[in-house]
Amino acid sequence: MISALGWWRWDNLKTTLLWAGGSALLSLYNFQKISAGKAYFKSTLVEATGLAAVVSFVTASHTFSLVTELIIAAALVLLSLVVALSDRTEKLRSIHLGGMALMIVLGLLMLGNSIYYSITRLNEFASAVTARDFAIPILLTVMFLPFLYCLHLYSVYESVFSSFHFAMKDPTLRRYAAWKLIKALRTDTVGLLRWQHHVALFPPQDEAEIDASIAEVSKARRLSVRPPKVSPRFGWLPHHATTLLASAGLPTNAYHPTHDGWRASSDYLNVGKAPFPNNIAYYVEGAELSVAKLKLVLNVNAPEEAEQAQERFSQLASLLANAAIPGWRLSGQHLDIKVNEQPIVINGYALALKQRTWEGGIAGRYDLAFTIEVEDSICKQSHASN
């Protein structure tokens, strides 16, 4: 299409091939990130048109001889390997920093040479071919995004339909579910994946249960867009609670029903470089419209690195408390809560820290659980147990 409009010619073939082997191939490899929605498209367009793209284009605008280009490529590969391997060992920290410095210097030299070439040969650089070389990757990226979205949509539907064989044995029921999903959720990939998770926990037995499960997911999706107001004494909005530690690398999955309430959890955040590293995870628990309990858990799998892990855990616990408790800010650097003692109450929220030692295996392994819970819910639980 861009060729028919006169924006692409054979002298732009090199730029096109570089885009195909670089940006397009990387986008295909990471196309699942489209699940981030508008943020993915925005970040992709910024990458294609931003300062980094301009610097990369200027750097590549002047090439050396074939032998020189091969030497530069080999040096960059070697330095990249040195930087990657030395990052895993603290003893090689100086080598890691030296490799990073050499890569920066080499990049600056290449950029400086290209800028000098562009200025001294401005007539050659400021041409229609150069303008097309810069514009073509942007145009190709814009044209490529709809294909990536369709690929992601196909991938999600394939995953959901494949799960039918485990959740529903009746072929007629599977066909009904497929039709209802396409009709109700259409291109809502987040809703489709939530429904897939829902039926894995609660396999539908008939058409009525399929309709009910789709209606529940649709309702949850509407509530995430327009959440109802929740009084602080009942807890937190699910959409708010699940994102409290997102900036620290602990976003959760969707808030979903289970056999004993509603909950969501994050992936493990590894701390340290042991073969089986210590890790931290974040959980939220409650009812459909409100979260009553926040929990941050540290799993100490490598006792020799426990001090570093506990420091990171303490930072995240303080961050969580500041973000979760309305009208209160931590005055010190870290929370001061004693392990395995009675919870402390702040503005109607009970904060507790529990440690559990693991039996068997490597000595010194344990977990720490920091919880923030609505005080009313604790009272109700204690009354129920009595």
Protein backbone atom coordinates (compact mmCIF):
# COMPACT_ATOMS: atom_id res chain seq x y z
CA MET A 1 0.00 0.00 0.00
CA ILE A 2 2.74 2.48 0.92
CA SER A 3 4.49 1.54 -2.33
CA ALA A 4 1.38 2.50 -4.32
CA LEU A 5 1.33 5.85 -2.55
CA GLY A 6 4.94 6.45 -3.52
CA TRP A 7 6.25 6.31 0.05
CA TRP A 8 8.30 3.14 -0.50
CA ARG A 9 10.90 2.46 -3.16
CA TRP A 10 13.56 -0.15 -3.72
CA ASP A 11 16.20 2.05 -2.11
CA ASN A 12 14.24 1.62 1.16
CA LEU A 13 14.61 -2.17 1.09
CA LYS A 14 17.43 -2.19 3.65
CA THR A 15 15.34 -0.21 6.16
CA THR A 16 12.38 -2.53 5.62
CA LEU A 17 14.46 -5.66 6.15
CA LEU A 18 16.00 -4.22 9.31
CA TRP A 19 12.52 -3.40 10.63
CA ALA A 20 11.27 -6.90 9.80
CA GLY A 21 14.24 -8.61 11.44
CA GLY A 22 14.18 -6.32 14.46
CA SER A 23 11.00 -4.60 15.62
CA ALA A 24 8.54 -6.90 13.83
CA LEU A 25 10.22 -10.11 14.99
CA LEU A 26 10.46 -8.86 18.57
CA SER A 27 6.80 -7.79 18.51
CA LEU A 28 5.75 -11.26 17.32
CA TYR A 29 7.76 -12.82 20.14
CA ASN A 30 6.13 -10.56 22.75
CA PHE A 31 2.67 -10.19 21.21
CA GLN A 32 1.02 -11.44 24.44
CA LYS A 33 1.83 -8.03 25.94
CA ILE A 34 -1.06 -6.66 23.89
CA SER A 35 -3.22 -7.81 26.83
CA ALA A 36 -2.10 -4.54 28.47
CA GLY A 37 -4.52 -2.83 26.08
CA LYS A 38 -4.12 0.80 25.14
CA ALA A 39 -0.88 1.05 27.13
CA TYR A 40 0.79 -1.44 24.78
CA PHE A 41 -0.19 0.45 21.63
CA LYS A 42 0.85 3.75 23.16
CA SER A 43 4.25 2.44 24.26
CA THR A 44 4.84 0.80 20.87
CA LEU A 45 4.13 4.03 19.01
CA VAL A 46 6.32 5.99 21.44
CA GLU A 47 9.16 3.54 20.82
CA ALA A 48 8.73 3.91 17.07
CA THR A 49 8.66 7.73 17.10
CA GLY A 50 10.47 8.71 20.32
CA LEU A 51 13.96 9.96 21.04
CA ALA A 52 15.41 6.44 21.16
CA ALA A 53 14.13 5.79 17.63
CA VAL A 54 15.66 9.05 16.39
CA VAL A 55 19.04 8.29 18.00
CA SER A 56 19.00 4.75 16.59
CA PHE A 57 18.17 6.06 13.12
CA VAL A 58 20.93 8.67 13.19
CA THR A 59 23.45 6.12 14.47
CA ALA A 60 22.62 3.72 11.65
CA SER A 61 22.54 6.44 8.97
CA HIS A 62 26.24 6.07 8.27
CA THR A 63 27.76 2.61 7.88
CA PHE A 64 31.41 1.59 7.80
CA SER A 65 33.08 -0.95 5.55
CA LEU A 66 31.92 -4.56 5.79
CA VAL A 67 35.00 -5.63 7.80
CA THR A 68 34.59 -2.74 10.25
CA GLU A 69 30.87 -3.43 10.69
CA LEU A 70 31.62 -7.11 11.44
CA ILE A 71 34.26 -6.14 14.02
CA ILE A 72 31.83 -3.72 15.71
CA ALA A 73 29.06 -6.34 15.75
CA ALA A 74 31.41 -8.96 17.24
CA ALA A 75 32.58 -6.48 19.90
CA LEU A 76 28.99 -5.62 20.87
CA VAL A 77 28.05 -9.31 21.13
CA LEU A 78 31.13 -10.05 23.25
CA LEU A 79 30.48 -7.09 25.55
CA SER A 80 26.81 -8.07 25.89
CA LEU A 81 27.81 -11.58 26.99
CA VAL A 82 30.33 -10.21 29.49
CA VAL A 83 27.75 -7.83 30.95
CA ALA A 84 25.06 -10.53 31.18
CA LEU A 85 27.31 -13.18 32.78
CA SER A 86 29.09 -10.85 35.21
CA ASP A 87 25.79 -9.49 36.54
CA ARG A 88 25.10 -12.76 38.36
CA THR A 89 28.12 -12.62 40.68
CA GLU A 90 28.90 -9.81 43.09
CA LYS A 91 32.65 -10.52 42.79
CA LEU A 92 32.47 -9.64 39.08
CA ARG A 93 30.68 -6.35 39.71
CA SER A 94 33.65 -4.30 38.49
CA ILE A 95 33.79 -6.32 35.25
CA HIS A 96 30.06 -5.78 34.78
CA LEU A 97 30.38 -2.02 35.22
CA GLY A 98 33.43 -1.93 32.93
CA GLY A 99 31.57 -3.80 30.20
CA MET A 100 28.61 -1.44 30.50
CA ALA A 101 30.95 1.55 30.26
CA LEU A 102 32.65 0.17 27.13
CA MET A 103 29.27 -0.43 25.46
CA ILE A 104 28.21 3.15 26.24
CA VAL A 105 31.49 4.54 24.90
CA LEU A 106 31.23 2.46 21.73
CA GLY A 107 27.64 3.61 21.20
CA LEU A 108 28.57 7.26 21.73
CA LEU A 109 31.46 6.96 19.27
CA MET A 110 29.15 5.49 16.63
CA LEU A 111 26.55 8.18 17.29
CA GLY A 112 29.17 10.94 17.16
CA ASN A 113 30.55 9.63 13.89
CA SER A 114 27.07 9.52 12.34
CA ILE A 115 26.30 13.06 13.52
CA TYR A 116 29.60 14.31 12.08
CA TYR A 117 28.86 12.53 8.78
CA SER A 118 25.34 13.96 8.66
CA ILE A 119 26.56 17.54 9.27
CA THR A 120 29.52 17.45 6.88
CA ARG A 121 27.44 15.81 4.15
CA LEU A 122 24.16 17.53 4.84
CA ASN A 123 23.06 17.49 1.21
CA GLU A 124 23.28 13.69 1.12
CA PHE A 125 21.66 13.23 4.52
CA ALA A 126 18.78 15.71 4.07
CA SER A 127 17.15 13.90 1.18
CA ALA A 128 13.85 12.28 0.34
CA VAL A 129 15.43 8.82 0.74
CA THR A 130 16.48 9.65 4.31
CA ALA A 131 13.02 10.98 5.14
CA ARG A 132 11.42 7.81 3.80
CA ASP A 133 13.92 5.65 5.69
CA PHE A 134 12.84 7.34 8.91
CA ALA A 135 9.09 7.30 8.15
CA ILE A 136 8.81 3.76 6.79
CA PRO A 137 9.45 1.92 10.11
CA ILE A 138 6.79 4.10 11.74
CA LEU A 139 4.27 3.40 8.98
CA LEU A 140 5.06 -0.32 9.02
CA THR A 141 4.61 -0.41 12.81
CA VAL A 142 1.21 1.33 12.59
CA MET A 143 0.12 -1.12 9.88
CA PHE A 144 1.47 -4.09 11.85
CA LEU A 145 -0.42 -3.37 15.09
CA PRO A 146 -3.86 -4.53 13.84
CA PHE A 147 -2.30 -7.81 12.74
CA LEU A 148 -0.72 -8.27 16.18
CA TYR A 149 -4.06 -7.54 17.86
CA CYS A 150 -5.85 -10.12 15.70
CA LEU A 151 -3.08 -12.62 16.45
CA HIS A 152 -3.49 -11.99 20.18
CA LEU A 153 -7.28 -12.32 19.93
CA TYR A 154 -6.91 -15.62 18.03
CA SER A 155 -4.42 -16.87 20.62
CA VAL A 156 -6.79 -16.08 23.50
CA TYR A 157 -9.77 -17.75 21.83
CA GLU A 158 -7.65 -20.80 21.01
CA SER A 159 -6.55 -21.05 24.64
CA VAL A 160 -10.12 -20.69 25.91
CA PHE A 161 -11.58 -23.17 23.43
CA SER A 162 -8.82 -25.69 24.17
CA SER A 163 -9.74 -25.60 27.85
CA PHE A 164 -13.29 -26.73 27.00
CA HIS A 165 -12.13 -30.34 26.81
CA PHE A 166 -11.17 -30.25 30.50
CA ALA A 167 -14.10 -28.21 31.80
CA MET A 168 -16.92 -29.66 29.65
CA LYS A 169 -17.13 -33.21 28.35
CA ASP A 170 -20.34 -32.73 26.35
CA PRO A 171 -19.58 -31.54 22.75
CA THR A 172 -22.99 -29.85 22.52
CA LEU A 173 -22.27 -27.90 25.69
CA ARG A 174 -18.86 -26.86 24.32
CA ARG A 175 -20.43 -25.54 21.12
CA TYR A 176 -23.02 -23.62 23.15
CA ALA A 177 -20.31 -22.11 25.34
CA ALA A 178 -18.24 -21.06 22.31
CA TRP A 179 -21.21 -19.32 20.69
CA LYS A 180 -22.24 -17.54 23.90
CA LEU A 181 -18.67 -16.35 24.55
CA ILE A 182 -18.29 -14.92 21.06
CA LYS A 183 -21.67 -13.22 21.31
CA ALA A 184 -21.22 -11.82 24.85
CA LEU A 185 -17.52 -11.01 25.19
CA ARG A 186 -16.45 -10.52 21.55
CA THR A 187 -13.00 -8.90 21.66
CA ASP A 188 -12.77 -8.58 25.45
CA THR A 189 -9.67 -10.74 25.88
CA VAL A 190 -9.39 -9.92 29.59
CA GLY A 191 -12.97 -11.10 30.13
CA LEU A 192 -12.34 -14.27 28.10
CA LEU A 193 -9.32 -15.18 30.19
CA ARG A 194 -11.24 -14.45 33.39
CA TRP A 195 -14.03 -16.75 32.22
CA GLN A 196 -11.46 -19.46 31.44
CA HIS A 197 -10.10 -19.19 34.98
CA HIS A 198 -13.63 -19.18 36.41
CA VAL A 199 -14.75 -22.41 34.71
CA ALA A 200 -11.49 -24.11 35.70
CA LEU A 201 -12.65 -23.67 39.32
CA PHE A 202 -16.39 -24.12 38.69
CA PRO A 203 -16.93 -26.40 35.63
CA PRO A 204 -20.42 -25.73 34.18
CA GLN A 205 -22.79 -28.68 33.99
CA ASP A 206 -25.47 -27.22 31.74
CA GLU A 207 -26.38 -24.21 29.58
CA ALA A 208 -27.83 -22.30 32.53
CA GLU A 209 -24.51 -22.49 34.40
CA ILE A 210 -22.66 -21.31 31.29
CA ASP A 211 -24.99 -18.31 31.02
CA ALA A 212 -24.52 -17.58 34.73
CA SER A 213 -20.72 -17.77 34.52
CA ILE A 214 -20.59 -15.42 31.52
CA ALA A 215 -22.96 -13.01 33.27
CA GLU A 216 -20.76 -13.04 36.38
CA VAL A 217 -17.61 -12.28 34.37
CA SER A 218 -19.40 -9.52 32.46
CA LYS A 219 -20.59 -8.03 35.74
CA ALA A 220 -17.06 -8.14 37.17
CA ARG A 221 -15.72 -6.40 34.05
CA ARG A 222 -18.34 -3.62 34.40
CA LEU A 223 -17.49 -3.19 38.07
CA SER A 224 -13.79 -2.86 37.25
CA VAL A 225 -14.63 0.04 34.91
CA ARG A 226 -17.17 1.69 37.24
CA PRO A 227 -16.47 0.35 40.72
CA PRO A 228 -19.05 1.01 43.47
CA LYS A 229 -18.12 3.02 46.55
CA VAL A 230 -16.95 1.00 49.54
CA SER A 231 -16.75 2.37 53.08
CA PRO A 232 -13.21 2.09 54.55
CA ARG A 233 -14.60 0.11 57.48
CA PHE A 234 -15.56 -2.68 55.05
CA GLY A 235 -12.20 -2.74 53.30
CA TRP A 236 -10.82 -1.73 49.91
CA LEU A 237 -12.16 -1.69 46.38
CA PRO A 238 -10.85 -4.80 44.60
CA HIS A 239 -9.52 -2.73 41.68
CA HIS A 240 -7.63 -0.52 44.14
CA ALA A 241 -6.32 -3.30 46.37
CA THR A 242 -4.90 -5.36 43.51
CA THR A 243 -2.78 -2.43 42.28
CA LEU A 244 -1.35 -1.20 45.60
CA LEU A 245 2.05 -2.80 44.91
CA ALA A 246 1.98 -2.77 41.12
CA SER A 247 4.64 -0.05 40.94
CA ALA A 248 6.94 -2.25 43.06
CA GLY A 249 6.68 -5.20 40.68
CA LEU A 250 3.81 -7.04 42.39
CA PRO A 251 0.64 -6.56 40.32
CA THR A 252 -1.94 -9.28 40.91
CA ASN A 253 -4.08 -11.32 38.58
CA ALA A 254 -7.80 -10.57 38.29
CA TYR A 255 -9.86 -10.60 41.49
CA HIS A 256 -11.87 -13.79 41.16
CA PRO A 257 -14.19 -16.10 43.10
CA THR A 258 -12.87 -19.28 44.71
CA HIS A 259 -14.48 -21.99 46.79
CA ASP A 260 -13.89 -19.98 49.99
CA GLY A 261 -14.31 -16.35 48.90
CA TRP A 262 -12.82 -13.93 46.44
CA ARG A 263 -9.08 -13.42 46.02
CA ALA A 264 -6.21 -12.36 43.77
CA SER A 265 -2.47 -12.98 43.88
CA SER A 266 0.73 -11.75 42.29
CA ASP A 267 3.55 -13.71 40.71
CA TYR A 268 6.64 -14.30 42.84
CA LEU A 269 9.15 -11.46 42.99
CA ASN A 270 12.60 -13.05 43.32
CA VAL A 271 15.10 -11.43 45.68
CA GLY A 272 18.77 -12.42 45.42
CA LYS A 273 20.68 -14.63 43.01
CA ALA A 274 20.62 -18.04 44.67
CA PRO A 275 19.67 -21.06 42.48
CA PHE A 276 16.38 -21.21 44.43
CA PRO A 277 16.01 -17.55 45.40
CA ASN A 278 13.98 -16.03 48.17
CA ASN A 279 10.75 -14.56 46.87
CA ILE A 280 7.90 -12.27 47.83
CA ALA A 281 4.24 -12.50 46.83
CA TYR A 282 1.19 -10.31 47.41
CA TYR A 283 -2.36 -11.55 48.05
CA VAL A 284 -5.76 -9.91 48.54
CA GLU A 285 -8.80 -11.65 50.00
CA GLY A 286 -12.42 -10.68 50.65
CA ALA A 287 -15.94 -10.60 49.22
CA GLU A 288 -17.12 -9.75 45.70
CA LEU A 289 -17.35 -5.98 46.20
CA SER A 290 -14.74 -5.39 48.89
CA VAL A 291 -11.32 -6.68 49.94
CA ALA A 292 -11.00 -7.29 53.70
CA LYS A 293 -7.42 -8.58 53.93
CA LEU A 294 -4.08 -7.73 52.31
CA LYS A 295 -1.19 -10.13 52.75
CA LEU A 296 2.50 -9.83 51.82
CA VAL A 297 4.50 -13.07 52.13
CA LEU A 298 8.26 -13.59 52.12
CA ASN A 299 9.45 -17.15 51.39
CA VAL A 300 13.05 -17.66 52.56
CA ASN A 301 14.37 -20.49 50.37
CA ALA A 302 18.03 -19.40 50.65
CA PRO A 303 18.84 -18.59 54.31
CA GLU A 304 22.27 -17.24 53.37
CA GLU A 305 20.54 -14.35 51.58
CA ALA A 306 17.80 -13.85 54.16
CA GLU A 307 19.03 -10.43 55.33
CA GLN A 308 18.74 -8.91 51.84
CA ALA A 309 15.30 -10.48 51.36
CA GLN A 310 14.04 -9.22 54.72
CA GLU A 311 15.21 -5.71 53.89
CA ARG A 312 13.24 -5.74 50.63
CA PHE A 313 10.24 -7.29 52.39
CA SER A 314 10.32 -4.55 55.05
CA GLN A 315 10.38 -1.86 52.36
CA LEU A 316 7.38 -3.39 50.59
CA ALA A 317 5.47 -3.80 53.86
CA SER A 318 5.97 -0.12 54.64
CA LEU A 319 4.89 0.83 51.12
CA LEU A 320 1.78 -1.33 51.42
CA ALA A 321 0.83 0.16 54.81
CA ASN A 322 1.22 3.72 53.53
CA ALA A 323 -0.89 3.00 50.46
CA ALA A 324 -3.58 0.92 52.18
CA ILE A 325 -4.42 2.80 55.38
CA PRO A 326 -6.45 5.99 54.77
CA GLY A 327 -5.42 9.10 56.70
CA TRP A 328 -2.15 7.64 57.95
CA ARG A 329 1.47 7.86 56.84
CA LEU A 330 4.43 5.98 58.27
CA SER A 331 6.72 8.46 60.03
CA GLY A 332 9.77 6.17 60.28
CA GLN A 333 11.62 4.32 57.55
CA HIS A 334 10.10 0.90 58.31
CA LEU A 335 7.15 -0.49 60.23
CA ASP A 336 7.98 -1.58 63.76
CA ILE A 337 5.87 -4.72 64.31
CA LYS A 338 6.95 -7.61 66.51
CA VAL A 339 6.88 -11.10 65.03
CA ASN A 340 4.15 -13.48 66.26
CA GLU A 341 2.63 -10.95 68.67
CA GLN A 342 -0.83 -9.41 68.87
CA PRO A 343 -1.80 -7.20 65.91
CA ILE A 344 -1.48 -3.45 66.24
CA VAL A 345 -4.54 -1.40 65.24
CA ILE A 346 -4.20 1.78 63.17
CA ASN A 347 -7.31 3.72 62.05
CA GLY A 348 -9.49 0.60 62.20
CA TYR A 349 -7.01 -1.72 60.47
CA ALA A 350 -5.14 -4.54 62.22
CA LEU A 351 -1.50 -5.06 61.23
CA ALA A 352 0.29 -8.29 62.10
CA LEU A 353 3.53 -10.12 61.30
CA LYS A 354 3.69 -13.92 61.54
CA GLN A 355 6.70 -16.19 61.04
CA ARG A 356 6.52 -19.91 60.34
CA THR A 357 9.57 -22.20 60.30
CA TRP A 358 9.58 -24.93 57.68
CA GLU A 359 10.11 -28.48 58.82
CA GLY A 360 12.63 -30.68 56.98
CA GLY A 361 14.84 -29.79 54.04
CA ILE A 362 17.43 -27.01 54.29
CA ALA A 363 17.86 -25.67 57.81
CA GLY A 364 16.87 -22.07 58.38
CA ARG A 365 14.05 -21.88 55.82
CA TYR A 366 10.90 -20.02 56.87
CA ASP A 367 8.22 -17.60 55.69
CA LEU A 368 7.05 -14.22 56.96
CA ALA A 369 3.48 -13.02 56.44
CA PHE A 370 2.59 -9.35 56.91
CA THR A 371 -1.17 -8.73 56.94
CA ILE A 372 -3.40 -5.68 56.98
CA GLU A 373 -6.97 -6.58 57.82
CA VAL A 374 -10.16 -4.67 58.49
CA GLU A 375 -10.62 -4.79 62.27
CA ASP A 376 -14.38 -5.46 61.95
CA SER A 377 -13.72 -8.64 59.96
CA ILE A 378 -11.35 -9.91 62.66
CA CYS A 379 -13.99 -9.29 65.31
CA LYS A 380 -16.58 -11.17 63.27
CA GLN A 381 -14.21 -14.13 62.85
CA SER A 382 -13.46 -14.27 66.59
CA HIS A 383 -17.20 -14.14 67.44
CA ALA A 384 -17.93 -16.87 64.90
CA SER A 385 -15.22 -19.12 66.36
CA ASN A 386 -16.62 -18.60 69.87
